[in-house]
């Protein structure tokens, strides 16, 4: 008489669970992707491309206006404030207030827009603390006749010079 060795049931062995875990992990990852896609905002998609194209032409004209006026701005980004020294090589009159927008490169919910108030080309305003990363800067007068743009990498670049682009 030979004795037969009884094997464990399938659920007590490792290989079936390993084979089940592979497709199960793909299902979990798919559900996580769907949750992220539904809860996050895709701020990069625009509805009207034609209007965006027209706006680009107006934006270029505003940058050229800043170049014609010879505007240069030196920004200092501090923990909770921004200071701007604005000058004009052509002696153009400087406004009493400026509009400053700082936009995070990838997350629209971190963008800030403030009005800088000052005189004689020196302006200051309070801002919310900024996260480390790449930021886009936009400085313009309140009538939106001209604009200066630039980028900075925080926290290493806190002093930034904004000049109009070359024609």
N, C-alpha and C. Protein backbone atom coordinates (compact mmCIF):
# COMPACT_ATOMS: atom_id res chain seq x y z
N UNK A 1 0.82 -1.16 0.00
CA UNK A 1 0.00 0.00 0.00
C UNK A 1 0.88 1.25 0.00
N UNK A 2 0.60 2.10 -0.94
CA UNK A 2 1.35 3.35 -1.02
C UNK A 2 0.55 4.48 -0.41
N UNK A 3 1.28 5.31 0.25
CA UNK A 3 0.62 6.47 0.85
C UNK A 3 0.69 7.64 -0.11
N UNK A 4 -0.42 8.26 -0.26
CA UNK A 4 -0.49 9.46 -1.08
C UNK A 4 -0.39 10.69 -0.22
N UNK A 5 0.40 11.59 -0.68
CA UNK A 5 0.54 12.85 0.05
C UNK A 5 -0.60 13.76 -0.40
N UNK A 6 -1.35 14.25 0.55
CA UNK A 6 -2.45 15.14 0.21
C UNK A 6 -1.89 16.55 0.05
N UNK A 7 -2.35 17.22 -0.98
CA UNK A 7 -1.90 18.60 -1.20
C UNK A 7 -2.86 19.57 -0.55
N UNK A 8 -2.32 20.74 -0.26
CA UNK A 8 -3.15 21.78 0.34
C UNK A 8 -4.19 22.26 -0.66
N UNK A 9 -5.31 22.82 -0.19
CA UNK A 9 -6.28 23.38 -1.13
C UNK A 9 -5.66 24.57 -1.88
N UNK A 10 -6.25 24.93 -3.00
CA UNK A 10 -5.67 25.96 -3.88
C UNK A 10 -5.49 27.29 -3.18
N UNK A 11 -6.40 27.64 -2.28
CA UNK A 11 -6.32 28.96 -1.64
C UNK A 11 -5.23 29.04 -0.58
N UNK A 12 -4.56 27.94 -0.29
CA UNK A 12 -3.46 27.96 0.65
C UNK A 12 -2.10 27.92 -0.06
N UNK A 13 -2.15 27.98 -1.35
CA UNK A 13 -0.91 27.99 -2.12
C UNK A 13 -0.63 29.41 -2.62
N UNK A 14 0.62 29.71 -2.90
CA UNK A 14 1.03 31.08 -3.27
C UNK A 14 0.78 31.45 -4.72
N UNK A 15 0.95 30.51 -5.63
CA UNK A 15 0.86 30.84 -7.06
C UNK A 15 -0.52 31.34 -7.49
N UNK A 16 -1.63 30.79 -7.06
CA UNK A 16 -2.92 31.36 -7.49
C UNK A 16 -3.11 32.80 -7.01
N UNK A 17 -2.64 33.11 -5.80
CA UNK A 17 -2.79 34.47 -5.29
C UNK A 17 -1.89 35.44 -6.05
N UNK A 18 -0.73 34.98 -6.43
CA UNK A 18 0.16 35.82 -7.25
C UNK A 18 -0.49 36.12 -8.60
N UNK A 19 -1.06 35.10 -9.22
CA UNK A 19 -1.72 35.30 -10.52
C UNK A 19 -2.97 36.16 -10.41
N UNK A 20 -3.66 36.12 -9.30
CA UNK A 20 -4.84 36.97 -9.09
C UNK A 20 -4.42 38.40 -8.78
N UNK A 21 -3.28 38.59 -8.12
CA UNK A 21 -2.83 39.93 -7.71
C UNK A 21 -2.47 40.81 -8.91
N UNK A 22 -1.94 40.23 -9.97
CA UNK A 22 -1.55 41.04 -11.13
C UNK A 22 -2.75 41.77 -11.75
N UNK A 23 -3.82 41.09 -12.16
CA UNK A 23 -4.96 41.84 -12.71
C UNK A 23 -5.67 42.70 -11.66
N UNK A 24 -5.66 42.26 -10.41
CA UNK A 24 -6.31 43.05 -9.36
C UNK A 24 -5.60 44.38 -9.16
N UNK A 25 -4.27 44.38 -9.23
CA UNK A 25 -3.55 45.65 -9.09
C UNK A 25 -3.84 46.58 -10.27
N UNK A 26 -4.04 46.06 -11.46
CA UNK A 26 -4.40 46.89 -12.61
C UNK A 26 -5.78 47.51 -12.41
N UNK A 27 -6.70 46.77 -11.83
CA UNK A 27 -8.04 47.31 -11.56
C UNK A 27 -7.95 48.43 -10.52
N UNK A 28 -7.19 48.24 -9.47
CA UNK A 28 -7.03 49.28 -8.44
C UNK A 28 -6.38 50.53 -9.03
N UNK A 29 -5.34 50.36 -9.85
CA UNK A 29 -4.69 51.51 -10.48
C UNK A 29 -5.64 52.23 -11.43
N UNK A 30 -6.47 51.50 -12.14
CA UNK A 30 -7.46 52.12 -13.03
C UNK A 30 -8.48 52.94 -12.27
N UNK A 31 -8.95 52.42 -11.15
CA UNK A 31 -9.91 53.16 -10.32
C UNK A 31 -9.26 54.42 -9.76
N UNK A 32 -8.00 54.32 -9.32
CA UNK A 32 -7.29 55.50 -8.80
C UNK A 32 -7.13 56.56 -9.89
N UNK A 33 -6.84 56.14 -11.11
CA UNK A 33 -6.70 57.08 -12.23
C UNK A 33 -8.01 57.79 -12.52
N UNK A 34 -9.10 57.05 -12.48
CA UNK A 34 -10.42 57.66 -12.72
C UNK A 34 -10.74 58.68 -11.63
N UNK A 35 -10.45 58.35 -10.38
CA UNK A 35 -10.72 59.28 -9.27
C UNK A 35 -9.90 60.56 -9.45
N UNK A 36 -8.63 60.44 -9.80
CA UNK A 36 -7.78 61.61 -10.01
C UNK A 36 -8.29 62.45 -11.17
N UNK A 37 -8.70 61.81 -12.25
CA UNK A 37 -9.18 62.54 -13.42
C UNK A 37 -10.47 63.29 -13.12
N UNK A 38 -11.35 62.72 -12.34
CA UNK A 38 -12.62 63.37 -12.03
C UNK A 38 -12.45 64.52 -11.05
N UNK A 39 -11.57 64.34 -10.06
CA UNK A 39 -11.43 65.35 -9.02
C UNK A 39 -10.51 66.52 -9.39
N UNK A 40 -9.60 66.35 -10.34
CA UNK A 40 -8.67 67.43 -10.67
C UNK A 40 -9.23 68.28 -11.81
N UNK A 41 -8.77 69.54 -11.82
CA UNK A 41 -9.21 70.48 -12.84
C UNK A 41 -8.14 70.58 -13.92
N UNK A 42 -8.54 70.39 -15.15
CA UNK A 42 -7.61 70.54 -16.26
C UNK A 42 -7.71 71.97 -16.76
N UNK A 43 -6.93 72.87 -16.16
CA UNK A 43 -7.01 74.28 -16.48
C UNK A 43 -6.35 74.67 -17.79
N UNK A 44 -5.73 73.74 -18.49
CA UNK A 44 -5.02 74.07 -19.71
C UNK A 44 -5.90 74.04 -20.95
N UNK A 45 -7.10 73.50 -20.85
CA UNK A 45 -7.98 73.38 -22.02
C UNK A 45 -8.81 74.66 -22.15
N UNK A 46 -8.84 75.24 -23.35
CA UNK A 46 -9.64 76.43 -23.61
C UNK A 46 -10.76 76.09 -24.57
N UNK A 47 -11.85 76.83 -24.46
CA UNK A 47 -13.01 76.55 -25.28
C UNK A 47 -12.95 77.21 -26.65
N UNK A 48 -12.44 78.43 -26.70
CA UNK A 48 -12.51 79.18 -27.95
C UNK A 48 -11.11 79.53 -28.44
N UNK A 49 -10.61 78.73 -29.36
CA UNK A 49 -9.25 78.91 -29.86
C UNK A 49 -9.12 80.18 -30.71
N UNK A 50 -10.17 80.56 -31.41
CA UNK A 50 -10.12 81.75 -32.26
C UNK A 50 -9.91 82.99 -31.42
N UNK A 51 -10.66 83.11 -30.33
CA UNK A 51 -10.50 84.27 -29.44
C UNK A 51 -9.11 84.28 -28.81
N UNK A 52 -8.58 83.11 -28.52
CA UNK A 52 -7.22 83.04 -27.97
C UNK A 52 -6.21 83.58 -28.99
N UNK A 53 -6.40 83.26 -30.27
CA UNK A 53 -5.50 83.75 -31.31
C UNK A 53 -5.56 85.27 -31.44
N UNK A 54 -6.76 85.84 -31.37
CA UNK A 54 -6.89 87.29 -31.42
C UNK A 54 -6.25 87.95 -30.20
N UNK A 55 -6.37 87.31 -29.06
CA UNK A 55 -5.78 87.85 -27.83
C UNK A 55 -4.25 87.88 -27.93
N UNK A 56 -3.67 86.91 -28.62
CA UNK A 56 -2.21 86.88 -28.77
C UNK A 56 -1.73 88.12 -29.52
N UNK A 57 -2.46 88.53 -30.55
CA UNK A 57 -2.07 89.73 -31.30
C UNK A 57 -2.14 90.97 -30.42
N UNK A 58 -3.18 91.09 -29.60
CA UNK A 58 -3.30 92.22 -28.69
C UNK A 58 -2.19 92.20 -27.64
N UNK A 59 -1.83 91.02 -27.17
CA UNK A 59 -0.77 90.87 -26.18
C UNK A 59 0.57 91.31 -26.74
N UNK A 60 0.85 90.94 -27.98
CA UNK A 60 2.11 91.35 -28.60
C UNK A 60 2.18 92.86 -28.73
N UNK A 61 1.05 93.49 -29.05
CA UNK A 61 1.02 94.95 -29.17
C UNK A 61 1.30 95.61 -27.81
N UNK A 62 0.81 95.00 -26.73
CA UNK A 62 1.06 95.55 -25.39
C UNK A 62 2.53 95.43 -25.01
N UNK A 63 3.17 94.33 -25.39
CA UNK A 63 4.60 94.17 -25.12
C UNK A 63 5.41 95.18 -25.93
N UNK A 64 5.00 95.43 -27.16
CA UNK A 64 5.69 96.42 -27.99
C UNK A 64 5.52 97.83 -27.43
N UNK A 65 4.34 98.10 -26.83
CA UNK A 65 4.13 99.41 -26.20
C UNK A 65 5.09 99.61 -25.03
N UNK A 66 5.32 98.55 -24.26
CA UNK A 66 6.28 98.64 -23.14
C UNK A 66 7.69 98.88 -23.66
N UNK A 67 8.03 98.26 -24.80
CA UNK A 67 9.36 98.48 -25.40
C UNK A 67 9.49 99.91 -25.90
N UNK A 68 8.45 100.45 -26.50
CA UNK A 68 8.48 101.83 -26.99
C UNK A 68 8.67 102.82 -25.85
N UNK A 69 8.05 102.53 -24.71
CA UNK A 69 8.17 103.41 -23.54
C UNK A 69 9.49 103.19 -22.81
N UNK A 70 10.23 102.14 -23.15
CA UNK A 70 11.50 101.85 -22.49
C UNK A 70 11.34 101.41 -21.05
N UNK A 71 10.30 100.64 -20.76
CA UNK A 71 10.02 100.23 -19.39
C UNK A 71 10.91 99.08 -18.94
N UNK A 72 11.34 99.16 -17.71
CA UNK A 72 12.10 98.10 -17.05
C UNK A 72 11.60 98.02 -15.62
N UNK A 73 11.34 96.79 -15.14
CA UNK A 73 10.86 96.60 -13.76
C UNK A 73 11.78 95.64 -13.03
N UNK A 74 12.17 96.02 -11.83
CA UNK A 74 12.94 95.14 -10.94
C UNK A 74 12.03 94.69 -9.82
N UNK A 75 11.78 93.38 -9.75
CA UNK A 75 10.88 92.80 -8.74
C UNK A 75 11.68 92.14 -7.64
N UNK A 76 11.18 92.25 -6.43
CA UNK A 76 11.71 91.53 -5.28
C UNK A 76 10.56 90.76 -4.66
N UNK A 77 10.64 89.44 -4.75
CA UNK A 77 9.61 88.58 -4.17
C UNK A 77 10.08 88.14 -2.79
N UNK A 78 9.30 88.52 -1.78
CA UNK A 78 9.62 88.16 -0.41
C UNK A 78 8.57 87.18 0.11
N UNK A 79 8.69 86.76 1.33
CA UNK A 79 7.82 85.73 1.88
C UNK A 79 6.34 86.07 1.70
N UNK A 80 5.96 87.30 2.03
CA UNK A 80 4.54 87.65 1.96
C UNK A 80 4.30 89.00 1.30
N UNK A 81 5.25 89.45 0.47
CA UNK A 81 5.05 90.71 -0.24
C UNK A 81 5.88 90.73 -1.52
N UNK A 82 5.54 91.67 -2.38
CA UNK A 82 6.30 91.90 -3.60
C UNK A 82 6.56 93.39 -3.71
N UNK A 83 7.79 93.75 -4.10
CA UNK A 83 8.16 95.15 -4.32
C UNK A 83 8.62 95.29 -5.76
N UNK A 84 8.24 96.40 -6.39
CA UNK A 84 8.59 96.65 -7.78
C UNK A 84 9.18 98.05 -7.91
N UNK A 85 10.32 98.13 -8.61
CA UNK A 85 10.90 99.41 -9.02
C UNK A 85 10.74 99.50 -10.53
N UNK A 86 9.89 100.42 -10.98
CA UNK A 86 9.60 100.58 -12.40
C UNK A 86 10.25 101.86 -12.90
N UNK A 87 10.90 101.77 -14.06
CA UNK A 87 11.52 102.95 -14.65
C UNK A 87 11.27 102.96 -16.15
N UNK A 88 11.35 104.17 -16.72
CA UNK A 88 11.14 104.35 -18.15
C UNK A 88 12.34 105.08 -18.73
N UNK A 89 13.00 104.45 -19.70
CA UNK A 89 14.15 105.08 -20.34
C UNK A 89 13.73 106.27 -21.19
N UNK A 90 12.48 106.31 -21.64
CA UNK A 90 11.98 107.40 -22.47
C UNK A 90 11.35 108.52 -21.65
N UNK A 91 11.33 108.39 -20.33
CA UNK A 91 10.73 109.41 -19.49
C UNK A 91 9.21 109.39 -19.51
N UNK A 92 8.62 108.26 -19.86
CA UNK A 92 7.16 108.15 -19.89
C UNK A 92 6.60 108.26 -18.47
N UNK A 93 5.42 108.85 -18.32
CA UNK A 93 4.83 108.96 -16.99
C UNK A 93 4.49 107.56 -16.44
N UNK A 94 4.76 107.37 -15.15
CA UNK A 94 4.51 106.09 -14.52
C UNK A 94 3.18 106.14 -13.77
N UNK A 95 2.40 105.08 -13.82
CA UNK A 95 1.09 105.09 -13.15
C UNK A 95 1.21 105.02 -11.64
N UNK A 96 0.11 105.33 -10.96
CA UNK A 96 0.07 105.25 -9.50
C UNK A 96 -0.16 103.83 -9.01
N UNK A 97 -0.68 102.97 -9.89
CA UNK A 97 -0.96 101.58 -9.50
C UNK A 97 -0.65 100.65 -10.67
N UNK A 98 -0.25 99.44 -10.33
CA UNK A 98 0.05 98.41 -11.32
C UNK A 98 -0.71 97.15 -10.97
N UNK A 99 -0.97 96.34 -11.98
CA UNK A 99 -1.59 95.04 -11.76
C UNK A 99 -0.50 93.98 -11.90
N UNK A 100 -0.34 93.14 -10.87
CA UNK A 100 0.70 92.10 -10.86
C UNK A 100 0.03 90.74 -10.74
N UNK A 101 0.38 89.84 -11.66
CA UNK A 101 -0.15 88.48 -11.63
C UNK A 101 1.02 87.51 -11.61
N UNK A 102 0.97 86.58 -10.67
CA UNK A 102 1.98 85.54 -10.58
C UNK A 102 1.26 84.20 -10.70
N UNK A 103 1.69 83.41 -11.69
CA UNK A 103 1.01 82.16 -12.02
C UNK A 103 1.97 80.99 -11.89
N UNK A 104 1.53 79.95 -11.22
CA UNK A 104 2.33 78.73 -11.13
C UNK A 104 2.29 78.03 -12.47
N UNK A 105 3.40 77.43 -12.85
CA UNK A 105 3.52 76.86 -14.19
C UNK A 105 2.53 75.73 -14.46
N UNK A 106 2.15 74.97 -13.45
CA UNK A 106 1.29 73.81 -13.72
C UNK A 106 -0.02 73.78 -12.95
N UNK A 107 -0.18 74.57 -11.91
CA UNK A 107 -1.39 74.51 -11.09
C UNK A 107 -2.07 75.87 -11.03
N UNK A 108 -3.22 75.98 -11.69
CA UNK A 108 -3.92 77.25 -11.76
C UNK A 108 -4.50 77.71 -10.44
N UNK A 109 -4.75 76.80 -9.51
CA UNK A 109 -5.34 77.21 -8.24
C UNK A 109 -4.34 77.92 -7.32
N UNK A 110 -3.08 78.01 -7.72
CA UNK A 110 -2.06 78.69 -6.92
C UNK A 110 -1.79 80.11 -7.43
N UNK A 111 -2.44 80.52 -8.53
CA UNK A 111 -2.20 81.83 -9.12
C UNK A 111 -2.70 82.94 -8.20
N UNK A 112 -2.02 84.11 -8.29
CA UNK A 112 -2.41 85.28 -7.50
C UNK A 112 -2.38 86.52 -8.38
N UNK A 113 -3.29 87.43 -8.11
CA UNK A 113 -3.31 88.70 -8.81
C UNK A 113 -3.55 89.80 -7.78
N UNK A 114 -2.65 90.79 -7.74
CA UNK A 114 -2.75 91.87 -6.76
C UNK A 114 -2.53 93.21 -7.44
N UNK A 115 -3.02 94.26 -6.80
CA UNK A 115 -2.78 95.62 -7.27
C UNK A 115 -1.65 96.22 -6.45
N UNK A 116 -0.60 96.66 -7.13
CA UNK A 116 0.53 97.29 -6.49
C UNK A 116 0.30 98.80 -6.46
N UNK A 117 0.45 99.39 -5.31
CA UNK A 117 0.23 100.83 -5.16
C UNK A 117 1.55 101.48 -4.77
N UNK A 118 1.80 102.66 -5.33
CA UNK A 118 3.04 103.36 -5.00
C UNK A 118 3.12 104.68 -5.74
N UNK A 119 4.31 105.25 -5.71
CA UNK A 119 4.56 106.51 -6.41
C UNK A 119 6.03 106.58 -6.79
N UNK A 120 6.33 107.41 -7.75
CA UNK A 120 7.70 107.59 -8.25
C UNK A 120 8.36 106.28 -8.67
N UNK A 121 7.56 105.35 -9.21
CA UNK A 121 8.10 104.10 -9.71
C UNK A 121 8.37 103.04 -8.67
N UNK A 122 7.99 103.26 -7.41
CA UNK A 122 8.19 102.28 -6.35
C UNK A 122 6.82 101.79 -5.89
N UNK A 123 6.61 100.48 -5.99
CA UNK A 123 5.31 99.88 -5.70
C UNK A 123 5.49 98.71 -4.74
N UNK A 124 4.41 98.42 -3.97
CA UNK A 124 4.47 97.32 -3.02
C UNK A 124 3.08 96.79 -2.79
N UNK A 125 2.99 95.46 -2.54
CA UNK A 125 1.71 94.84 -2.19
C UNK A 125 1.97 93.54 -1.44
N UNK A 126 1.00 93.12 -0.66
CA UNK A 126 1.08 91.86 0.07
C UNK A 126 0.59 90.73 -0.84
N UNK A 127 1.24 89.56 -0.71
CA UNK A 127 0.82 88.37 -1.45
C UNK A 127 0.79 87.18 -0.49
N UNK A 128 0.15 86.12 -0.92
CA UNK A 128 0.14 84.88 -0.15
C UNK A 128 1.52 84.21 -0.32
N UNK A 129 1.94 83.43 0.66
CA UNK A 129 3.23 82.73 0.52
C UNK A 129 3.25 81.87 -0.75
N UNK A 130 4.39 81.83 -1.42
CA UNK A 130 4.54 81.11 -2.68
C UNK A 130 5.27 79.79 -2.47
N UNK A 131 4.82 78.77 -3.17
CA UNK A 131 5.45 77.45 -3.12
C UNK A 131 6.71 77.44 -3.99
N UNK A 132 7.66 76.60 -3.69
CA UNK A 132 8.83 76.46 -4.57
C UNK A 132 8.40 75.95 -5.95
N UNK A 133 9.08 76.42 -6.98
CA UNK A 133 8.79 75.97 -8.33
C UNK A 133 8.92 77.11 -9.33
N UNK A 134 8.51 76.83 -10.56
CA UNK A 134 8.60 77.81 -11.65
C UNK A 134 7.33 78.65 -11.69
N UNK A 135 7.50 79.97 -11.69
CA UNK A 135 6.38 80.92 -11.68
C UNK A 135 6.49 81.84 -12.90
N UNK A 136 5.33 82.18 -13.47
CA UNK A 136 5.26 83.15 -14.56
C UNK A 136 4.79 84.48 -13.98
N UNK A 137 5.44 85.57 -14.38
CA UNK A 137 5.17 86.89 -13.84
C UNK A 137 4.58 87.78 -14.93
N UNK A 138 3.58 88.58 -14.56
CA UNK A 138 2.96 89.52 -15.49
C UNK A 138 2.74 90.83 -14.75
N UNK A 139 3.30 91.91 -15.29
CA UNK A 139 3.15 93.24 -14.71
C UNK A 139 2.56 94.14 -15.78
N UNK A 140 1.48 94.84 -15.45
CA UNK A 140 0.82 95.70 -16.43
C UNK A 140 0.17 96.88 -15.72
N UNK A 141 -0.09 97.94 -16.50
CA UNK A 141 -0.79 99.08 -15.92
C UNK A 141 -2.28 98.73 -15.83
N UNK A 142 -3.02 99.54 -15.07
CA UNK A 142 -4.43 99.22 -14.85
C UNK A 142 -5.27 99.33 -16.11
N UNK A 143 -4.87 100.16 -17.06
CA UNK A 143 -5.64 100.29 -18.31
C UNK A 143 -5.26 99.22 -19.32
N UNK A 144 -4.30 98.38 -18.99
CA UNK A 144 -3.83 97.29 -19.85
C UNK A 144 -3.27 97.79 -21.18
N UNK A 145 -2.58 98.93 -21.15
CA UNK A 145 -1.98 99.49 -22.35
C UNK A 145 -0.62 98.87 -22.65
N UNK A 146 0.10 98.42 -21.63
CA UNK A 146 1.40 97.80 -21.80
C UNK A 146 1.53 96.65 -20.81
N UNK A 147 2.54 95.80 -21.04
CA UNK A 147 2.79 94.69 -20.12
C UNK A 147 4.25 94.26 -20.18
N UNK A 148 4.73 93.76 -19.05
CA UNK A 148 6.06 93.16 -18.93
C UNK A 148 5.88 91.75 -18.38
N UNK A 149 6.61 90.79 -18.93
CA UNK A 149 6.47 89.41 -18.49
C UNK A 149 7.84 88.82 -18.18
N UNK A 150 7.82 87.74 -17.41
CA UNK A 150 9.04 87.02 -17.09
C UNK A 150 8.73 85.76 -16.33
N UNK A 151 9.77 85.03 -15.96
CA UNK A 151 9.62 83.81 -15.17
C UNK A 151 10.66 83.82 -14.06
N UNK A 152 10.40 83.04 -13.04
CA UNK A 152 11.34 82.89 -11.94
C UNK A 152 11.20 81.50 -11.36
N UNK A 153 12.26 81.03 -10.74
CA UNK A 153 12.27 79.75 -10.03
C UNK A 153 12.45 80.04 -8.56
N UNK A 154 11.41 79.81 -7.78
CA UNK A 154 11.49 80.06 -6.34
C UNK A 154 11.90 78.77 -5.65
N UNK A 155 12.64 78.86 -4.59
CA UNK A 155 13.03 80.02 -3.81
C UNK A 155 14.39 80.62 -4.20
N UNK A 156 15.04 80.13 -5.25
CA UNK A 156 16.40 80.59 -5.55
C UNK A 156 16.44 81.94 -6.23
N UNK A 157 15.46 82.27 -7.06
CA UNK A 157 15.46 83.54 -7.79
C UNK A 157 14.37 84.45 -7.23
N UNK A 158 14.73 85.29 -6.26
CA UNK A 158 13.74 86.19 -5.66
C UNK A 158 13.83 87.60 -6.23
N UNK A 159 14.92 87.94 -6.89
CA UNK A 159 15.06 89.23 -7.56
C UNK A 159 15.01 88.98 -9.06
N UNK A 160 14.06 89.64 -9.74
CA UNK A 160 13.83 89.39 -11.15
C UNK A 160 13.73 90.73 -11.88
N UNK A 161 14.35 90.82 -13.06
CA UNK A 161 14.24 92.00 -13.90
C UNK A 161 13.34 91.66 -15.07
N UNK A 162 12.29 92.47 -15.23
CA UNK A 162 11.36 92.30 -16.35
C UNK A 162 11.66 93.37 -17.41
N UNK A 163 11.95 92.92 -18.61
CA UNK A 163 12.19 93.84 -19.72
C UNK A 163 11.33 93.42 -20.89
N UNK A 164 10.97 94.35 -21.77
CA UNK A 164 10.17 93.98 -22.93
C UNK A 164 10.98 93.10 -23.88
N UNK A 165 10.31 92.23 -24.63
CA UNK A 165 11.04 91.38 -25.59
C UNK A 165 11.57 92.22 -26.75
N UNK A 166 12.64 91.74 -27.36
CA UNK A 166 13.19 92.40 -28.55
C UNK A 166 12.24 92.22 -29.71
N UNK A 167 12.20 93.22 -30.57
CA UNK A 167 11.30 93.13 -31.71
C UNK A 167 11.87 92.23 -32.77
